[in-house]
């Protein structure tokens, strides 16, 4: 566990540095997208609005650019400020990073100014090792959950940080499921997960040529470096080129205390839009999984349920989520794309951002929001480019002139 550092000592760490590289979620806001990235600005805004957000901090996009300017080494003060901010999170959660009794685990996520879904990297459950996993078992009384968190961490850390082949782990995972006679990861018994953890560490060691890191601060340092490095991976560069996003922006790194959606059937994780991004209807649109972590939703490991079914599975959570979704949409005056986790019946918000939508949905949402008094006509016109607006009213197909190549264009039939 780290030595406890007061907030004033965190401020002192900043004073000893050439600039402020790290912001607690409580120190940011929605206007700081360029500095904190979209994800960091979003969680900061939700934190300051009093919504249920797990504590954490953001390392700035300037630190990412400084990392590249400094021959891919942390600029002076970045690591010192990150450790000081982590100590504040320890106080906020009552947990200790690396503690054997009450371990703090964190997620490490990228977050640039402009949304780049799936282009950069995330590590969950960081801070777990052979000692802290025992603390998780003692705290939760759930050996299966603890070792499931451990194997997930090894799998993600190895892929993102150690650059190992994810198929090596998937093949072993499939073998264990087959031998246990189960269909899903969530059904693998605790005894098998223990063996799986040991085998996963061996795979990582063979692939990387070094023992899997057990020091939690080494884990964190390497994960932050990996997120910075992911800014310039090929898929991220290609995405920015295609979407005309400047390469000079850099990415923020969000370090956030973990909440767990894989603690039974009163836990889960999901993503949802405040309105339907395909047709603009004013109702929640998304999906979730019970007893799962975030990557399970996007990885297709199990078939998720539509968000409407959450009202049956966890009615109180669904009601609270609906209220938060409406509040965020009203606050931002735009359709929001939300990420959430439920831990033992308690809802936590992990992300909010303006949701992507097709052209027809954009028009319907804009018109509806004007009628609802959320936005003005001027705001609506600014929200819609002329090209998108015209595309909504073009015919579904046109008869081409001879020798002029053309194709059918699907358009929104009516608003």
Protein backbone atom coordinates (compact mmCIF):
# COMPACT_ATOMS: atom_id res chain seq x y z
CA UNK A 1 0.00 0.00 0.00
CA UNK A 2 1.31 3.45 -0.81
CA UNK A 3 2.15 5.99 1.84
CA UNK A 4 -0.93 8.15 2.33
CA UNK A 5 -0.53 11.51 0.60
CA UNK A 6 -2.88 14.36 1.45
CA UNK A 7 -4.44 16.55 -1.19
CA UNK A 8 -2.00 19.32 -0.26
CA UNK A 9 0.90 16.96 -0.91
CA UNK A 10 -0.62 16.18 -4.30
CA UNK A 11 -0.58 19.91 -4.98
CA UNK A 12 3.05 19.95 -3.90
CA UNK A 13 3.84 17.20 -6.41
CA UNK A 14 2.38 19.45 -9.10
CA UNK A 15 4.44 22.43 -7.91
CA UNK A 16 7.63 20.40 -8.22
CA UNK A 17 6.83 19.64 -11.87
CA UNK A 18 7.14 21.83 -14.97
CA UNK A 19 3.33 21.71 -15.36
CA UNK A 20 0.22 19.99 -14.12
CA UNK A 21 0.03 16.66 -15.90
CA UNK A 22 -2.64 14.92 -13.81
CA UNK A 23 -6.19 15.96 -12.85
CA UNK A 24 -8.44 14.21 -10.36
CA UNK A 25 -11.92 13.70 -11.78
CA UNK A 26 -13.16 16.35 -9.35
CA UNK A 27 -10.75 18.89 -10.87
CA UNK A 28 -11.97 18.63 -14.47
CA UNK A 29 -15.09 19.56 -16.41
CA UNK A 30 -16.72 19.19 -19.82
CA UNK A 31 -14.91 22.21 -21.29
CA UNK A 32 -11.51 20.49 -20.90
CA UNK A 33 -11.88 17.95 -23.73
CA UNK A 34 -8.68 19.04 -25.47
CA UNK A 35 -6.62 18.61 -22.30
CA UNK A 36 -8.37 15.65 -20.66
CA UNK A 37 -9.80 13.93 -23.72
CA UNK A 38 -13.48 13.23 -24.21
CA UNK A 39 -13.66 10.38 -21.72
CA UNK A 40 -11.79 12.29 -19.01
CA UNK A 41 -13.87 15.43 -19.48
CA UNK A 42 -17.05 13.34 -19.41
CA UNK A 43 -16.30 11.49 -16.17
CA UNK A 44 -15.15 14.77 -14.59
CA UNK A 45 -18.44 16.45 -15.52
CA UNK A 46 -20.45 13.52 -14.16
CA UNK A 47 -18.38 13.49 -10.96
CA UNK A 48 -19.01 17.18 -10.35
CA UNK A 49 -22.71 16.69 -11.08
CA UNK A 50 -22.87 14.24 -8.18
CA UNK A 51 -23.51 11.15 -10.31
CA UNK A 52 -22.22 7.74 -9.14
CA UNK A 53 -18.76 7.65 -10.77
CA UNK A 54 -15.89 5.51 -9.39
CA UNK A 55 -13.02 7.80 -8.26
CA UNK A 56 -10.03 8.29 -10.51
CA UNK A 57 -7.79 10.71 -12.37
CA UNK A 58 -6.76 11.65 -15.89
CA UNK A 59 -3.24 12.03 -17.25
CA UNK A 60 -3.45 14.78 -19.86
CA UNK A 61 -3.08 14.70 -23.62
CA UNK A 62 -0.14 17.07 -23.12
CA UNK A 63 1.62 14.31 -21.19
CA UNK A 64 1.08 11.99 -24.16
CA UNK A 65 2.64 14.49 -26.55
CA UNK A 66 5.44 15.07 -24.04
CA UNK A 67 6.00 11.31 -23.95
CA UNK A 68 6.68 11.30 -27.69
CA UNK A 69 8.77 14.49 -27.51
CA UNK A 70 10.84 12.84 -24.76
CA UNK A 71 11.84 9.76 -26.77
CA UNK A 72 8.87 7.78 -25.42
CA UNK A 73 9.73 8.42 -21.78
CA UNK A 74 7.44 10.07 -19.23
CA UNK A 75 8.07 13.83 -18.98
CA UNK A 76 9.37 15.06 -15.62
CA UNK A 77 6.66 14.94 -12.98
CA UNK A 78 4.14 12.69 -14.76
CA UNK A 79 4.85 9.57 -12.73
CA UNK A 80 5.19 11.47 -9.45
CA UNK A 81 1.82 13.18 -9.99
CA UNK A 82 0.18 9.91 -11.04
CA UNK A 83 1.30 8.19 -7.83
CA UNK A 84 0.13 11.14 -5.75
CA UNK A 85 -3.27 11.12 -7.46
CA UNK A 86 -3.51 7.36 -6.91
CA UNK A 87 -2.97 7.92 -3.19
CA UNK A 88 -5.94 10.32 -3.20
CA UNK A 89 -8.03 7.61 -4.86
CA UNK A 90 -6.92 5.22 -2.12
CA UNK A 91 -8.33 7.62 0.44
CA UNK A 92 -11.53 8.13 -1.52
CA UNK A 93 -12.17 4.38 -1.79
CA UNK A 94 -10.72 3.28 1.56
CA UNK A 95 -8.61 0.73 -0.32
CA UNK A 96 -4.87 0.32 -0.85
CA UNK A 97 -3.07 -0.21 -4.14
CA UNK A 98 -1.17 -3.45 -3.62
CA UNK A 99 -2.81 -4.09 -0.23
CA UNK A 100 -3.16 -7.73 0.79
CA UNK A 101 -6.18 -6.94 2.97
CA UNK A 102 -8.26 -4.47 0.96
CA UNK A 103 -6.78 -4.17 -2.53
CA UNK A 104 -7.55 -1.32 -4.91
CA UNK A 105 -7.78 -2.43 -8.52
CA UNK A 106 -7.96 0.11 -11.34
CA UNK A 107 -8.78 0.34 -15.02
CA UNK A 108 -6.45 2.17 -17.41
CA UNK A 109 -8.23 3.58 -20.46
CA UNK A 110 -7.38 5.85 -23.35
CA UNK A 111 -9.45 8.93 -24.14
CA UNK A 112 -8.70 11.41 -26.92
CA UNK A 113 -10.51 14.69 -27.65
CA UNK A 114 -12.48 13.02 -30.45
CA UNK A 115 -14.05 9.62 -29.96
CA UNK A 116 -12.08 6.80 -31.62
CA UNK A 117 -14.08 3.68 -30.67
CA UNK A 118 -11.97 0.53 -30.42
CA UNK A 119 -8.87 2.16 -31.84
CA UNK A 120 -6.81 2.40 -28.66
CA UNK A 121 -6.26 0.29 -25.60
CA UNK A 122 -7.79 -0.54 -22.21
CA UNK A 123 -6.57 -2.65 -19.29
CA UNK A 124 -8.96 -3.74 -16.52
CA UNK A 125 -8.34 -5.19 -13.03
CA UNK A 126 -4.83 -3.74 -12.81
CA UNK A 127 -3.25 -4.12 -9.36
CA UNK A 128 -3.97 -7.81 -8.95
CA UNK A 129 -1.26 -10.38 -8.22
CA UNK A 130 -0.84 -13.60 -6.21
CA UNK A 131 -1.15 -11.66 -2.93
CA UNK A 132 -3.90 -9.15 -3.69
CA UNK A 133 -6.08 -11.87 -5.20
CA UNK A 134 -6.20 -13.46 -1.76
CA UNK A 135 -7.40 -10.15 -0.36
CA UNK A 136 -10.18 -10.12 -2.94
CA UNK A 137 -11.19 -13.64 -1.94
CA UNK A 138 -11.27 -12.70 1.75
CA UNK A 139 -13.23 -9.49 1.12
CA UNK A 140 -15.84 -10.92 -1.21
CA UNK A 141 -16.00 -14.52 -0.06
CA UNK A 142 -16.08 -15.34 -3.76
CA UNK A 143 -13.03 -17.24 -4.95
CA UNK A 144 -14.44 -17.66 -8.42
CA UNK A 145 -14.91 -13.93 -8.92
CA UNK A 146 -11.39 -13.13 -7.68
CA UNK A 147 -9.62 -15.59 -9.96
CA UNK A 148 -11.83 -14.64 -12.89
CA UNK A 149 -10.68 -11.03 -12.39
CA UNK A 150 -7.07 -12.25 -12.22
CA UNK A 151 -7.20 -14.28 -15.44
CA UNK A 152 -8.91 -11.39 -17.26
CA UNK A 153 -6.15 -9.02 -16.15
CA UNK A 154 -3.37 -11.34 -17.33
CA UNK A 155 -5.15 -11.78 -20.65
CA UNK A 156 -5.65 -8.05 -21.28
CA UNK A 157 -2.29 -6.90 -19.92
CA UNK A 158 -0.48 -9.50 -22.04
CA UNK A 159 -2.27 -8.42 -25.20
CA UNK A 160 -2.02 -4.65 -24.67
CA UNK A 161 1.25 -4.23 -22.80
CA UNK A 162 3.32 -7.31 -23.63
CA UNK A 163 2.03 -7.55 -27.23
CA UNK A 164 1.31 -11.27 -27.05
CA UNK A 165 -1.02 -13.14 -29.40
CA UNK A 166 -4.53 -13.13 -27.86
CA UNK A 167 -5.33 -16.39 -29.63
CA UNK A 168 -2.81 -18.19 -27.43
CA UNK A 169 -4.97 -17.37 -24.41
CA UNK A 170 -8.29 -17.97 -26.15
CA UNK A 171 -7.23 -21.48 -27.18
CA UNK A 172 -6.39 -22.40 -23.59
CA UNK A 173 -9.63 -20.83 -22.35
CA UNK A 174 -11.64 -22.87 -24.83
CA UNK A 175 -9.84 -26.04 -23.73
CA UNK A 176 -10.74 -25.40 -20.09
CA UNK A 177 -14.39 -24.80 -20.99
CA UNK A 178 -14.47 -28.00 -23.02
CA UNK A 179 -12.89 -30.05 -20.22
CA UNK A 180 -15.30 -28.58 -17.66
CA UNK A 181 -18.27 -29.24 -19.95
CA UNK A 182 -19.45 -25.61 -19.89
CA UNK A 183 -20.43 -23.16 -22.63
CA UNK A 184 -19.42 -19.76 -21.26
CA UNK A 185 -16.51 -18.19 -19.39
CA UNK A 186 -18.84 -17.38 -16.50
CA UNK A 187 -19.40 -21.10 -15.86
CA UNK A 188 -15.73 -22.07 -15.41
CA UNK A 189 -15.33 -23.21 -11.78
CA UNK A 190 -12.93 -21.52 -9.36
CA UNK A 191 -10.54 -24.48 -9.18
CA UNK A 192 -10.08 -24.38 -12.95
CA UNK A 193 -9.65 -20.59 -12.95
CA UNK A 194 -6.75 -20.98 -10.50
CA UNK A 195 -5.04 -23.36 -12.92
CA UNK A 196 -5.90 -21.04 -15.79
CA UNK A 197 -4.17 -18.11 -14.06
CA UNK A 198 -0.97 -20.14 -13.67
CA UNK A 199 -1.07 -21.28 -17.29
CA UNK A 200 -1.80 -17.76 -18.56
CA UNK A 201 1.26 -16.44 -16.72
CA UNK A 202 3.38 -19.13 -18.36
CA UNK A 203 2.07 -18.15 -21.80
CA UNK A 204 2.87 -14.49 -21.13
CA UNK A 205 6.36 -15.33 -19.89
CA UNK A 206 7.15 -17.49 -22.93
CA UNK A 207 5.89 -14.82 -25.32
CA UNK A 208 7.59 -11.84 -23.66
CA UNK A 209 10.74 -13.53 -22.43
CA UNK A 210 10.28 -12.17 -18.91
CA UNK A 211 8.25 -13.08 -15.81
CA UNK A 212 4.75 -11.62 -15.66
CA UNK A 213 5.00 -8.42 -13.56
CA UNK A 214 3.74 -8.79 -10.00
CA UNK A 215 4.72 -5.33 -8.72
CA UNK A 216 1.52 -3.28 -8.99
CA UNK A 217 3.35 -0.01 -9.67
CA UNK A 218 5.28 -1.64 -12.49
CA UNK A 219 1.96 -2.87 -13.88
CA UNK A 220 0.56 0.67 -13.78
CA UNK A 221 3.64 2.31 -15.30
CA UNK A 222 3.69 -0.16 -18.17
CA UNK A 223 -0.05 0.18 -18.80
CA UNK A 224 0.13 3.98 -19.00
CA UNK A 225 3.02 3.68 -21.46
CA UNK A 226 1.00 1.21 -23.52
CA UNK A 227 -1.98 3.58 -23.74
CA UNK A 228 0.30 6.44 -24.83
CA UNK A 229 1.85 4.12 -27.42
CA UNK A 230 -1.57 3.07 -28.70
CA UNK A 231 -2.12 6.64 -29.93
CA UNK A 232 0.23 5.83 -32.78
CA UNK A 233 -0.72 2.24 -33.51
CA UNK A 234 -1.66 1.54 -37.12
CA UNK A 235 -5.40 1.25 -36.64
CA UNK A 236 -5.51 4.54 -34.69
CA UNK A 237 -3.48 6.35 -37.36
CA UNK A 238 -5.68 4.92 -40.13
CA UNK A 239 -8.82 5.95 -38.23
CA UNK A 240 -7.55 9.51 -37.79
CA UNK A 241 -6.55 9.75 -41.43
CA UNK A 242 -9.98 8.55 -42.56
CA UNK A 243 -11.85 10.88 -40.19
CA UNK A 244 -9.47 13.85 -40.67
CA UNK A 245 -8.52 13.97 -36.98
CA UNK A 246 -5.19 15.72 -36.29
CA UNK A 247 -2.35 13.44 -35.23
CA UNK A 248 -1.01 16.08 -32.83
CA UNK A 249 -3.84 15.92 -30.28
CA UNK A 250 -2.55 13.01 -28.20
CA UNK A 251 -4.63 10.87 -25.88
CA UNK A 252 -5.44 11.20 -22.22
CA UNK A 253 -5.09 8.24 -19.86
CA UNK A 254 -7.89 7.62 -17.38
CA UNK A 255 -7.00 5.64 -14.26
CA UNK A 256 -10.18 4.72 -12.40
CA UNK A 257 -11.00 2.51 -9.43
CA UNK A 258 -12.59 -0.71 -10.61
CA UNK A 259 -16.19 -1.65 -10.09
CA UNK A 260 -17.11 -5.17 -11.02
CA UNK A 261 -19.96 -6.35 -13.18
CA UNK A 262 -18.91 -9.99 -12.81
CA UNK A 263 -19.99 -10.49 -9.17
CA UNK A 264 -23.14 -12.49 -9.86
CA UNK A 265 -26.54 -11.94 -11.41
CA UNK A 266 -27.16 -8.69 -9.53
CA UNK A 267 -24.12 -7.27 -11.33
CA UNK A 268 -23.52 -6.48 -14.97
CA UNK A 269 -22.27 -4.06 -17.57
CA UNK A 270 -23.69 -2.34 -20.62
CA UNK A 271 -23.78 0.49 -23.12
CA UNK A 272 -26.76 2.55 -24.17
CA UNK A 273 -27.84 5.62 -26.14
CA UNK A 274 -30.37 8.02 -24.67
CA UNK A 275 -32.23 7.86 -28.02
CA UNK A 276 -32.24 5.39 -30.86
CA UNK A 277 -29.29 6.26 -33.14
CA UNK A 278 -30.91 4.50 -36.11
CA UNK A 279 -34.31 6.22 -36.14
CA UNK A 280 -34.16 8.92 -33.48
CA UNK A 281 -36.91 7.50 -31.27
CA UNK A 282 -36.88 8.94 -27.77
CA UNK A 283 -36.21 5.81 -25.77
CA UNK A 284 -33.13 4.06 -24.41
CA UNK A 285 -31.33 1.95 -26.98
CA UNK A 286 -28.50 -0.40 -26.05
CA UNK A 287 -27.55 -3.72 -24.52
CA UNK A 288 -26.09 -5.25 -21.39
CA UNK A 289 -24.85 -8.49 -19.88
CA UNK A 290 -25.33 -9.72 -16.34
CA UNK A 291 -22.34 -11.17 -14.48
CA UNK A 292 -19.87 -9.75 -17.00
CA UNK A 293 -17.15 -7.14 -17.48
CA UNK A 294 -17.08 -4.46 -20.15
CA UNK A 295 -15.05 -6.31 -22.75
CA UNK A 296 -17.58 -9.17 -22.76
CA UNK A 297 -20.21 -6.91 -24.36
CA UNK A 298 -18.04 -5.91 -27.31
CA UNK A 299 -16.22 -9.26 -27.65
CA UNK A 300 -19.37 -11.22 -28.44
CA UNK A 301 -18.57 -13.88 -25.83
CA UNK A 302 -22.24 -14.04 -24.86
CA UNK A 303 -25.34 -12.63 -26.49
CA UNK A 304 -26.29 -9.41 -24.67
CA UNK A 305 -29.84 -8.48 -23.73
CA UNK A 306 -31.59 -5.32 -24.98
CA UNK A 307 -31.46 -2.52 -22.43
CA UNK A 308 -35.26 -2.62 -22.02
CA UNK A 309 -34.98 -6.04 -20.37
CA UNK A 310 -32.93 -4.52 -17.53
CA UNK A 311 -36.27 -3.29 -16.17
CA UNK A 312 -37.16 -6.93 -15.49
CA UNK A 313 -33.75 -8.10 -14.27
CA UNK A 314 -32.82 -5.12 -12.07
CA UNK A 315 -35.83 -2.77 -11.91
CA UNK A 316 -34.38 -0.28 -9.41
CA UNK A 317 -31.15 -0.01 -11.39
CA UNK A 318 -33.11 0.49 -14.61
CA UNK A 319 -35.17 3.29 -13.08
CA UNK A 320 -32.04 5.04 -11.79
CA UNK A 321 -30.30 4.61 -15.14
CA UNK A 322 -33.26 6.11 -16.98
CA UNK A 323 -33.22 9.14 -14.69
CA UNK A 324 -29.47 9.64 -15.13
CA UNK A 325 -29.75 9.26 -18.91
CA UNK A 326 -32.43 11.95 -19.07
CA UNK A 327 -30.43 14.21 -16.77
CA UNK A 328 -27.28 13.89 -18.88
CA UNK A 329 -29.15 14.49 -22.13
CA UNK A 330 -30.72 17.61 -20.67
CA UNK A 331 -27.35 18.77 -19.34
CA UNK A 332 -25.48 18.30 -22.63
CA UNK A 333 -28.50 19.13 -24.82
CA UNK A 334 -27.62 16.25 -27.10
CA UNK A 335 -28.16 12.51 -27.38
CA UNK A 336 -25.65 10.72 -25.16
CA UNK A 337 -23.75 7.45 -25.54
CA UNK A 338 -23.39 5.94 -22.04
CA UNK A 339 -21.33 3.17 -20.49
CA UNK A 340 -22.24 1.72 -17.11
CA UNK A 341 -21.50 -1.07 -14.66
CA UNK A 342 -23.67 -2.52 -11.91
CA UNK A 343 -21.87 -4.02 -8.89
CA UNK A 344 -24.10 -5.97 -6.52
CA UNK A 345 -27.14 -3.89 -7.41
CA UNK A 346 -25.37 -0.50 -7.33
CA UNK A 347 -25.16 1.52 -10.55
CA UNK A 348 -21.95 3.26 -11.61
CA UNK A 349 -21.52 5.53 -14.62
CA UNK A 350 -18.27 5.09 -16.54
CA UNK A 351 -18.68 7.26 -19.62
CA UNK A 352 -20.85 9.83 -21.33
CA UNK A 353 -20.29 11.33 -24.76
CA UNK A 354 -22.33 12.66 -27.65
CA UNK A 355 -23.71 9.66 -29.48
CA UNK A 356 -23.10 8.96 -33.15
CA UNK A 357 -26.28 8.67 -35.23
CA UNK A 358 -27.30 8.35 -38.86
CA UNK A 359 -28.50 11.36 -40.83
CA UNK A 360 -32.19 10.61 -40.51
CA UNK A 361 -31.96 10.09 -36.78
CA UNK A 362 -29.98 13.33 -36.49
CA UNK A 363 -32.81 15.31 -38.07
CA UNK A 364 -35.52 13.65 -35.98
CA UNK A 365 -33.55 14.12 -32.76
CA UNK A 366 -32.86 17.77 -33.58
CA UNK A 367 -36.51 18.49 -34.40
CA UNK A 368 -37.72 16.68 -31.28
CA UNK A 369 -35.25 18.51 -29.07
CA UNK A 370 -36.40 21.87 -30.42
CA UNK A 371 -40.00 20.92 -29.66
CA UNK A 372 -38.96 19.75 -26.18
CA UNK A 373 -37.17 23.04 -25.54
CA UNK A 374 -33.77 21.37 -25.12
CA UNK A 375 -32.17 23.25 -28.02
CA UNK A 376 -32.97 26.31 -30.12
CA UNK A 377 -33.41 26.49 -33.88
CA UNK A 378 -29.94 28.02 -34.12
CA UNK A 379 -28.50 25.12 -32.16
CA UNK A 380 -30.30 22.68 -34.44
CA UNK A 381 -28.94 24.27 -37.61
CA UNK A 382 -25.44 24.21 -36.18
CA UNK A 383 -25.83 20.54 -35.28
CA UNK A 384 -26.66 19.50 -38.84
CA UNK A 385 -24.39 19.97 -41.79
CA UNK A 386 -26.07 20.85 -45.09
CA UNK A 387 -24.87 17.62 -46.64
CA UNK A 388 -26.37 15.51 -43.85
CA UNK A 389 -29.63 17.48 -43.94
CA UNK A 390 -30.06 17.13 -47.72
CA UNK A 391 -29.23 13.42 -47.57
CA UNK A 392 -32.28 12.89 -45.36
CA UNK A 393 -34.70 14.08 -48.01
CA UNK A 394 -33.21 12.63 -51.20
CA UNK A 395 -35.22 9.83 -52.83
CA UNK A 396 -34.32 6.26 -51.98
CA UNK A 397 -33.28 5.72 -55.58
CA UNK A 398 -33.07 7.71 -58.77
CA UNK A 399 -33.12 6.70 -62.41
CA UNK A 400 -29.63 7.43 -63.72
CA UNK A 401 -28.96 9.10 -66.99
CA UNK A 402 -27.51 6.79 -69.60
CA UNK A 403 -23.78 6.10 -69.23
CA UNK A 404 -23.64 7.91 -65.89
CA UNK A 405 -22.62 5.48 -63.11
CA UNK A 406 -24.79 5.70 -60.03
CA UNK A 407 -25.94 3.72 -57.04
CA UNK A 408 -28.97 3.63 -54.79
CA UNK A 409 -28.74 5.63 -51.60
CA UNK A 410 -30.73 4.65 -48.54
CA UNK A 411 -32.35 7.75 -47.05
CA UNK A 412 -34.64 8.58 -44.17
CA UNK A 413 -38.16 8.49 -45.67
CA UNK A 414 -39.86 11.01 -43.41
CA UNK A 415 -39.38 13.05 -40.24
